Amino acid sequence: MKLEEFNYNLPEELIAQVPISKRDESRLMVLNRENKTIEHKTFKDIIDYLKPGDCLVRNNTKVIPARLYGKKETGANVEFVLLKQLEGDIWESIVRPGNKLKPGTVVKFGETKYVDSKNKDQKSEDPKLENEYLLKATILDIMEGGTRKVNFEYDGIFNEILDKIGLMPLPPYIHESLKEKDRYQTVYAKYDGSAAAPTAGLHFTPELLKKIEEKGVKIANVTLHVGIGTFRPVKEENIEDHQMHTEHFYIKQEDVDKINDTKKAGGRVIAVGTTSCRVLETIASEETGLVRTTEADTGIYIYPGYKFKCIDGLITNFHLPKSTLLMLVSALAGREFVLDAYNEAVKEKYRFFSFGDAMFIK
């Protein structure tokens, strides 16, 4: 298939720059695959489309404040975006400006004050004195795609330092600053590791989740740490030639049991977001659709022609034109139907992308 077949026209003003004030009051477009109908609802109405015996599968990864601004020893300003913890204190990172950050370069982040190197307690404004920083990074190697392998040195707890000096790594199409860090975090985020939020889950509130469980719907978790590669554009004219990025995931036995019990009882497995979908489809049996406890990396690439093994429905946001996420949604609901729905969303002025409105494909 050609990349252009997944294009659509999106006015820039429909790209949501800030989150809606109440998470579950975003809009919800409901796509019925069986009769090709579209309904317009509010997200909290999702409960009306869930049935006792269904299983909602969500991604409980937590976004780390992975964007760091620091200085080289020359005083030049640099930017890092942490992508993936490789081992210990060694991370894969996007760096800017890339051509100035070669192996061996040292960068420091989180300047606290100027100090006298002989008397660490003495404050001074004299720039000739030694600087004190919270975090030191050394470039170890240049990785495939131009990212860097970086070793960090620090005193204390790494994630606590990130909380102090790091910023949320918002997608490149969001130009507004985020006033509250937790708005780029699901209410059930638990395990640190993502460079981007699993945004379909941003619409849920604790109250809505409680009502869903009270209705008899099981809630299971997977953990997939989302990378910046999720925003990487497809450049190949033939979509089959695109190489997917890989992301690390795991799923626990208690969650496997909930999903498999649902499948065996004839209930529906509904993925919250494309990340949850990719995990389930990676680990599902070809024959039965049942899943297993797994920790691994997935580079699964889902586009039209793919036969889904596990999921029966998907809650998702509206995705970028020509993106692998739009291809995944098209694989589930049909390319023409999805593009018709997107064109209607544009007409009805839905809010698009990470802080935008939601879609439920059933």
Protein backbone atom coordinates (compact mmCIF):
# COMPACT_ATOMS: atom_id res chain seq x y z
CA MET A 1 0.00 0.00 0.00
CA LYS A 2 1.09 3.57 -0.66
CA LEU A 3 1.79 6.04 2.14
CA GLU A 4 -0.41 8.67 0.51
CA GLU A 5 -3.42 6.40 1.09
CA PHE A 6 -3.18 7.29 4.80
CA ASN A 7 -3.18 11.04 4.36
CA TYR A 8 -5.95 13.45 5.33
CA ASN A 9 -6.27 17.21 5.59
CA LEU A 10 -6.08 18.58 9.13
CA PRO A 11 -6.39 22.30 9.89
CA GLU A 12 -3.63 23.27 12.33
CA GLU A 13 -6.11 24.92 14.71
CA LEU A 14 -7.62 21.48 15.50
CA ILE A 15 -4.36 20.22 17.03
CA ALA A 16 -5.03 20.40 20.78
CA GLN A 17 -2.32 22.40 22.55
CA VAL A 18 -3.56 21.98 26.12
CA PRO A 19 -5.59 19.29 27.91
CA ILE A 20 -9.30 19.79 28.48
CA SER A 21 -10.15 20.89 32.04
CA LYS A 22 -12.00 17.66 32.96
CA ARG A 23 -10.45 14.50 31.56
CA ASP A 24 -13.64 12.52 30.92
CA GLU A 25 -15.49 15.41 29.27
CA SER A 26 -13.51 15.23 26.06
CA ARG A 27 -15.51 14.16 23.03
CA LEU A 28 -15.85 10.53 21.97
CA MET A 29 -16.47 9.31 18.44
CA VAL A 30 -17.86 5.76 18.38
CA LEU A 31 -17.21 3.65 15.28
CA ASN A 32 -19.33 0.54 14.78
CA ARG A 33 -17.38 -1.80 12.47
CA GLU A 34 -20.36 -4.05 11.81
CA ASN A 35 -22.78 -1.51 10.36
CA LYS A 36 -20.28 1.28 9.55
CA THR A 37 -22.06 3.89 11.66
CA ILE A 38 -20.59 6.80 13.61
CA GLU A 39 -21.90 8.27 16.87
CA HIS A 40 -20.81 11.45 18.66
CA LYS A 41 -20.64 11.21 22.44
CA THR A 42 -18.75 12.46 25.50
CA PHE A 43 -15.91 10.27 26.82
CA LYS A 44 -17.65 9.40 30.08
CA ASP A 45 -20.34 7.76 27.91
CA ILE A 46 -17.79 5.00 27.22
CA ILE A 47 -19.33 3.09 30.12
CA ASP A 48 -22.53 2.63 28.07
CA TYR A 49 -20.55 0.71 25.44
CA LEU A 50 -18.82 -1.63 27.90
CA LYS A 51 -20.55 -4.83 28.99
CA PRO A 52 -20.25 -7.01 32.09
CA GLY A 53 -17.67 -9.66 31.28
CA ASP A 54 -15.55 -7.38 29.11
CA CYS A 55 -11.89 -6.70 29.95
CA LEU A 56 -10.34 -3.28 29.56
CA VAL A 57 -6.56 -3.48 29.08
CA ARG A 58 -4.59 -0.32 29.83
CA ASN A 59 -0.91 0.65 29.77
CA ASN A 60 0.26 1.72 33.25
CA THR A 61 3.63 3.11 32.20
CA LYS A 62 4.64 6.46 33.69
CA VAL A 63 6.18 9.30 31.69
CA ILE A 64 9.47 10.55 33.10
CA PRO A 65 10.37 14.26 32.78
CA ALA A 66 12.92 13.25 30.18
CA ARG A 67 13.73 16.60 28.53
CA LEU A 68 16.88 18.12 30.01
CA TYR A 69 18.64 21.40 29.28
CA GLY A 70 22.31 21.63 30.17
CA LYS A 71 25.72 23.01 29.26
CA LYS A 72 28.88 21.63 27.75
CA GLU A 73 32.16 22.41 29.47
CA THR A 74 32.58 25.22 26.90
CA GLY A 75 29.38 26.82 28.22
CA ALA A 76 27.37 25.98 25.09
CA ASN A 77 23.71 25.11 25.67
CA VAL A 78 22.48 21.59 24.81
CA GLU A 79 19.24 19.62 25.02
CA PHE A 80 18.77 15.92 25.82
CA VAL A 81 15.62 13.81 25.55
CA LEU A 82 16.02 10.48 27.33
CA LEU A 83 14.58 7.65 25.26
CA LYS A 84 15.44 4.36 26.88
CA GLN A 85 17.37 3.03 29.87
CA LEU A 86 19.88 0.57 28.42
CA GLU A 87 21.54 -0.64 31.63
CA GLY A 88 22.23 0.95 34.98
CA ASP A 89 22.92 4.65 34.43
CA ILE A 90 23.42 4.29 30.68
CA TRP A 91 20.62 5.70 28.51
CA GLU A 92 19.83 6.16 24.86
CA SER A 93 19.13 9.84 24.25
CA ILE A 94 18.29 12.30 21.52
CA VAL A 95 20.77 15.19 21.73
CA ARG A 96 20.78 18.66 20.21
CA PRO A 97 22.87 19.99 18.57
CA GLY A 98 23.89 16.51 17.47
CA ASN A 99 26.95 17.51 15.46
CA LYS A 100 28.50 19.14 18.55
CA LEU A 101 28.04 16.17 20.89
CA LYS A 102 30.63 13.55 19.98
CA PRO A 103 31.82 10.60 22.13
CA GLY A 104 33.75 11.84 25.13
CA THR A 105 31.80 15.11 25.43
CA VAL A 106 30.73 15.97 28.98
CA VAL A 107 27.46 17.78 29.70
CA LYS A 108 26.20 19.04 33.06
CA PHE A 109 22.58 19.63 34.08
CA GLY A 110 20.86 21.32 36.98
CA GLU A 111 23.25 24.08 37.93
CA THR A 112 22.69 24.95 41.58
CA LYS A 113 25.25 27.69 42.32
CA TYR A 114 28.81 28.83 41.91
CA VAL A 115 31.04 27.57 44.71
CA ASP A 116 34.61 27.93 45.80
CA SER A 117 36.28 24.62 45.00
CA LYS A 118 38.13 24.83 48.33
CA ASN A 119 35.03 25.72 50.32
CA LYS A 120 31.87 24.05 48.96
CA ASP A 121 29.64 25.96 51.39
CA GLN A 122 30.76 29.38 50.23
CA LYS A 123 28.36 30.98 47.73
CA SER A 124 29.78 33.27 45.10
CA GLU A 125 28.74 35.03 41.92
CA ASP A 126 32.28 34.79 40.53
CA PRO A 127 31.97 32.71 37.33
CA LYS A 128 35.62 31.75 37.57
CA LEU A 129 34.84 29.52 40.48
CA GLU A 130 33.73 25.91 40.09
CA ASN A 131 30.08 25.15 39.15
CA GLU A 132 27.94 22.71 41.10
CA TYR A 133 25.48 20.52 39.16
CA LEU A 134 22.95 17.84 39.98
CA LEU A 135 23.70 15.65 36.96
CA LYS A 136 26.72 14.93 34.77
CA ALA A 137 26.53 13.09 31.45
CA THR A 138 29.29 11.66 29.26
CA ILE A 139 28.62 10.74 25.62
CA LEU A 140 29.81 7.15 25.14
CA ASP A 141 28.83 6.37 21.56
CA ILE A 142 26.73 7.37 18.55
CA MET A 143 23.91 4.90 17.98
CA GLU A 144 21.94 3.98 14.89
CA GLY A 145 19.73 6.86 13.80
CA GLY A 146 22.00 9.45 15.41
CA THR A 147 20.92 9.00 19.03
CA ARG A 148 23.62 8.82 21.71
CA LYS A 149 24.57 6.29 24.34
CA VAL A 150 25.05 8.39 27.47
CA ASN A 151 26.38 7.60 30.95
CA PHE A 152 25.01 9.67 33.85
CA GLU A 153 26.72 10.43 37.16
CA TYR A 154 24.92 11.93 40.16
CA ASP A 155 24.45 11.83 43.91
CA GLY A 156 21.09 10.64 45.16
CA ILE A 157 18.18 9.08 43.27
CA PHE A 158 18.08 9.57 39.50
CA ASN A 159 14.29 9.86 39.17
CA GLU A 160 14.14 12.42 41.99
CA ILE A 161 16.73 14.52 40.17
CA LEU A 162 14.70 14.27 36.95
CA ASP A 163 11.62 15.45 38.84
CA LYS A 164 13.56 18.54 39.93
CA ILE A 165 15.20 19.57 36.67
CA GLY A 166 13.47 17.66 33.86
CA LEU A 167 10.53 18.73 31.72
CA MET A 168 7.82 16.57 30.19
CA PRO A 169 8.88 15.60 26.64
CA LEU A 170 5.76 16.84 24.89
CA PRO A 171 5.25 15.89 21.22
CA PRO A 172 6.72 18.26 18.60
CA TYR A 173 3.29 19.47 17.49
CA ILE A 174 2.49 20.88 20.97
CA HIS A 175 3.85 24.39 21.31
CA GLU A 176 2.19 25.46 24.57
CA SER A 177 3.92 24.85 27.90
CA LEU A 178 2.29 22.35 30.26
CA LYS A 179 1.21 23.97 33.53
CA GLU A 180 0.56 20.72 35.40
CA LYS A 181 2.93 17.78 34.82
CA ASP A 182 0.32 15.22 35.81
CA ARG A 183 -1.92 16.17 32.87
CA TYR A 184 0.51 14.35 30.56
CA GLN A 185 0.13 11.31 32.80
CA THR A 186 -2.70 8.80 33.16
CA VAL A 187 -4.33 8.62 36.58
CA TYR A 188 -3.15 4.99 36.83
CA ALA A 189 0.48 5.60 35.73
CA LYS A 190 2.71 3.44 37.93
CA TYR A 191 6.04 2.37 36.43
CA ASP A 192 8.62 4.98 35.30
CA GLY A 193 10.07 4.60 31.83
CA SER A 194 8.16 6.37 29.05
CA ALA A 195 9.29 9.30 26.92
CA ALA A 196 5.69 9.85 25.76
CA ALA A 197 2.29 9.23 27.32
CA PRO A 198 -0.11 6.44 26.27
CA THR A 199 -2.57 9.20 25.45
CA ALA A 200 -5.78 7.18 25.04
CA GLY A 201 -5.67 6.67 28.80
CA LEU A 202 -5.57 10.39 29.58
CA HIS A 203 -9.40 10.55 29.37
CA PHE A 204 -10.04 8.24 32.33
CA THR A 205 -10.71 9.49 35.85
CA PRO A 206 -10.62 7.41 39.07
CA GLU A 207 -14.39 7.87 39.37
CA LEU A 208 -15.06 6.62 35.85
CA LEU A 209 -12.78 3.61 36.32
CA LYS A 210 -14.59 2.74 39.55
CA LYS A 211 -17.97 2.85 37.77
CA ILE A 212 -16.61 0.63 35.00
CA GLU A 213 -15.44 -1.98 37.51
CA GLU A 214 -18.76 -1.79 39.37
CA LYS A 215 -20.48 -2.62 36.08
CA GLY A 216 -18.63 -5.95 35.99
CA VAL A 217 -15.85 -5.02 33.59
CA LYS A 218 -12.40 -6.40 34.45
CA ILE A 219 -9.43 -4.02 34.26
CA ALA A 220 -6.04 -5.48 33.38
CA ASN A 221 -2.67 -3.81 32.92
CA VAL A 222 0.28 -4.10 30.61
CA THR A 223 3.42 -1.99 30.89
CA LEU A 224 4.96 -0.72 27.66
CA HIS A 225 7.44 2.13 27.88
CA VAL A 226 6.58 4.46 25.02
CA GLY A 227 9.47 5.88 23.00
CA ILE A 228 9.75 9.04 20.92
CA GLY A 229 9.81 6.73 17.91
CA THR A 230 6.02 6.73 18.15
CA PHE A 231 6.17 10.20 16.53
CA ARG A 232 8.75 9.24 13.90
CA PRO A 233 7.29 9.81 10.43
CA VAL A 234 6.98 7.09 7.83
CA LYS A 235 9.17 8.10 4.89
CA GLU A 236 8.92 5.06 2.62
CA GLU A 237 6.46 5.35 -0.26
CA ASN A 238 5.44 1.70 0.18
CA ILE A 239 4.32 1.31 3.79
CA GLU A 240 5.49 -2.32 3.86
CA ASP A 241 9.09 -1.05 3.67
CA HIS A 242 8.87 0.93 6.92
CA GLN A 243 10.99 -0.31 9.84
CA MET A 244 9.24 -0.03 13.21
CA HIS A 245 11.03 1.13 16.36
CA THR A 246 11.05 -1.31 19.28
CA GLU A 247 9.67 -0.69 22.76
CA HIS A 248 10.08 -2.65 25.99
CA PHE A 249 7.05 -4.21 27.68
CA TYR A 250 5.96 -6.73 30.27
CA ILE A 251 2.71 -8.20 31.56
CA LYS A 252 2.12 -9.93 34.89
CA GLN A 253 0.39 -13.25 35.48
CA GLU A 254 -2.59 -11.72 37.29
CA ASP A 255 -3.31 -9.59 34.21
CA VAL A 256 -2.77 -12.51 31.85
CA ASP A 257 -5.37 -14.45 33.85
CA LYS A 258 -7.95 -11.65 33.58
CA ILE A 259 -7.50 -11.42 29.82
CA ASN A 260 -7.54 -15.16 29.19
CA ASP A 261 -10.54 -15.72 31.47
CA THR A 262 -12.39 -13.05 29.48
CA LYS A 263 -11.51 -14.70 26.16
CA LYS A 264 -12.54 -18.15 27.39
CA ALA A 265 -15.88 -16.81 28.70
CA GLY A 266 -16.69 -15.10 25.40
CA GLY A 267 -16.18 -11.54 26.66
CA ARG A 268 -14.48 -8.78 24.71
CA VAL A 269 -10.91 -7.63 25.22
CA ILE A 270 -10.76 -3.87 24.65
CA ALA A 271 -7.37 -2.21 24.43
CA VAL A 272 -6.92 1.29 25.83
CA GLY A 273 -4.56 2.74 23.26
CA THR A 274 -2.36 1.45 20.49
CA THR A 275 0.43 0.60 22.95
CA SER A 276 -1.78 -1.87 24.85
CA CYS A 277 -2.98 -3.24 21.51
CA ARG A 278 0.59 -3.81 20.30
CA VAL A 279 1.51 -5.70 23.48
CA LEU A 280 -1.54 -7.98 23.28
CA GLU A 281 -1.07 -8.71 19.60
CA THR A 282 2.63 -9.41 20.15
CA ILE A 283 2.04 -12.07 22.80
CA ALA A 284 -1.29 -13.59 21.67
CA SER A 285 -1.50 -17.12 20.34
CA GLU A 286 -2.24 -17.41 16.62
CA GLU A 287 -4.68 -20.23 17.31
CA THR A 288 -6.53 -19.14 20.45
CA GLY A 289 -5.83 -15.44 20.97
CA LEU A 290 -4.78 -16.24 24.55
CA VAL A 291 -1.81 -14.36 26.02
CA ARG A 292 1.11 -15.35 28.24
CA THR A 293 3.34 -13.70 30.84
CA THR A 294 6.12 -12.02 28.90
CA GLU A 295 8.87 -9.43 29.19
CA ALA A 296 10.44 -8.48 25.88
CA ASP A 297 10.79 -5.81 23.20
CA THR A 298 8.17 -5.47 20.50
CA GLY A 299 8.55 -4.02 17.04
CA ILE A 300 5.20 -5.31 15.79
CA TYR A 301 3.96 -3.37 12.78
CA ILE A 302 0.20 -3.48 12.25
CA TYR A 303 -1.28 -2.17 9.00
CA PRO A 304 -4.24 -3.17 6.78
CA GLY A 305 -4.22 -6.86 6.02
CA TYR A 306 -3.20 -7.76 9.59
CA LYS A 307 -5.43 -10.35 11.29
CA PHE A 308 -6.06 -9.43 14.92
CA LYS A 309 -5.64 -12.32 17.36
CA CYS A 310 -6.62 -10.90 20.75
CA ILE A 311 -8.37 -7.53 20.83
CA ASP A 312 -12.05 -7.02 20.05
CA GLY A 313 -12.16 -3.25 20.43
CA LEU A 314 -9.91 -0.22 20.78
CA ILE A 315 -10.08 3.11 22.59
CA THR A 316 -7.69 5.54 20.95
CA ASN A 317 -7.03 9.19 20.12
CA PHE A 318 -6.92 10.73 16.65
CA HIS A 319 -3.54 10.16 15.00
CA LEU A 320 -1.20 12.02 12.68
CA PRO A 321 -1.62 11.69 8.91
CA LYS A 322 0.62 9.03 7.33
CA SER A 323 1.50 7.57 10.76
CA THR A 324 1.88 3.93 11.80
CA LEU A 325 -0.81 4.54 14.44
CA LEU A 326 -3.31 5.57 11.78
CA MET A 327 -2.36 2.42 9.87
CA LEU A 328 -3.03 0.29 12.96
CA VAL A 329 -6.48 1.82 13.43
CA SER A 330 -7.16 1.30 9.71
CA ALA A 331 -6.20 -2.36 10.04
CA LEU A 332 -8.89 -2.78 12.70
CA ALA A 333 -11.76 -0.73 11.26
CA GLY A 334 -10.92 -0.47 7.56
CA ARG A 335 -8.97 2.34 5.89
CA GLU A 336 -11.88 3.97 4.05
CA PHE A 337 -14.18 3.89 7.09
CA VAL A 338 -11.47 5.36 9.32
CA LEU A 339 -10.62 8.15 6.88
CA ASP A 340 -14.33 8.94 6.50
CA ALA A 341 -14.52 9.18 10.30
CA TYR A 342 -11.46 11.44 10.42
CA ASN A 343 -12.93 13.73 7.79
CA GLU A 344 -16.13 13.92 9.83
CA ALA A 345 -14.08 14.66 12.95
CA VAL A 346 -12.46 17.57 11.11
CA LYS A 347 -15.88 18.80 9.98
CA GLU A 348 -17.22 18.54 13.55
CA LYS A 349 -14.10 20.25 14.92
CA TYR A 350 -12.87 17.45 17.15
CA ARG A 351 -9.58 18.10 18.96
CA PHE A 352 -6.70 16.03 17.56
CA PHE A 353 -3.61 14.18 18.82
CA SER A 354 -2.22 13.75 22.34
CA PHE A 355 -4.40 16.27 24.23
CA GLY A 356 -7.31 15.78 21.86
CA ASP A 357 -10.55 13.81 21.79
CA ALA A 358 -11.06 10.05 21.66
CA MET A 359 -12.42 7.33 19.42
CA PHE A 360 -13.89 3.95 20.36
CA ILE A 361 -13.83 1.26 17.69
CA LYS A 362 -16.21 -1.55 18.57
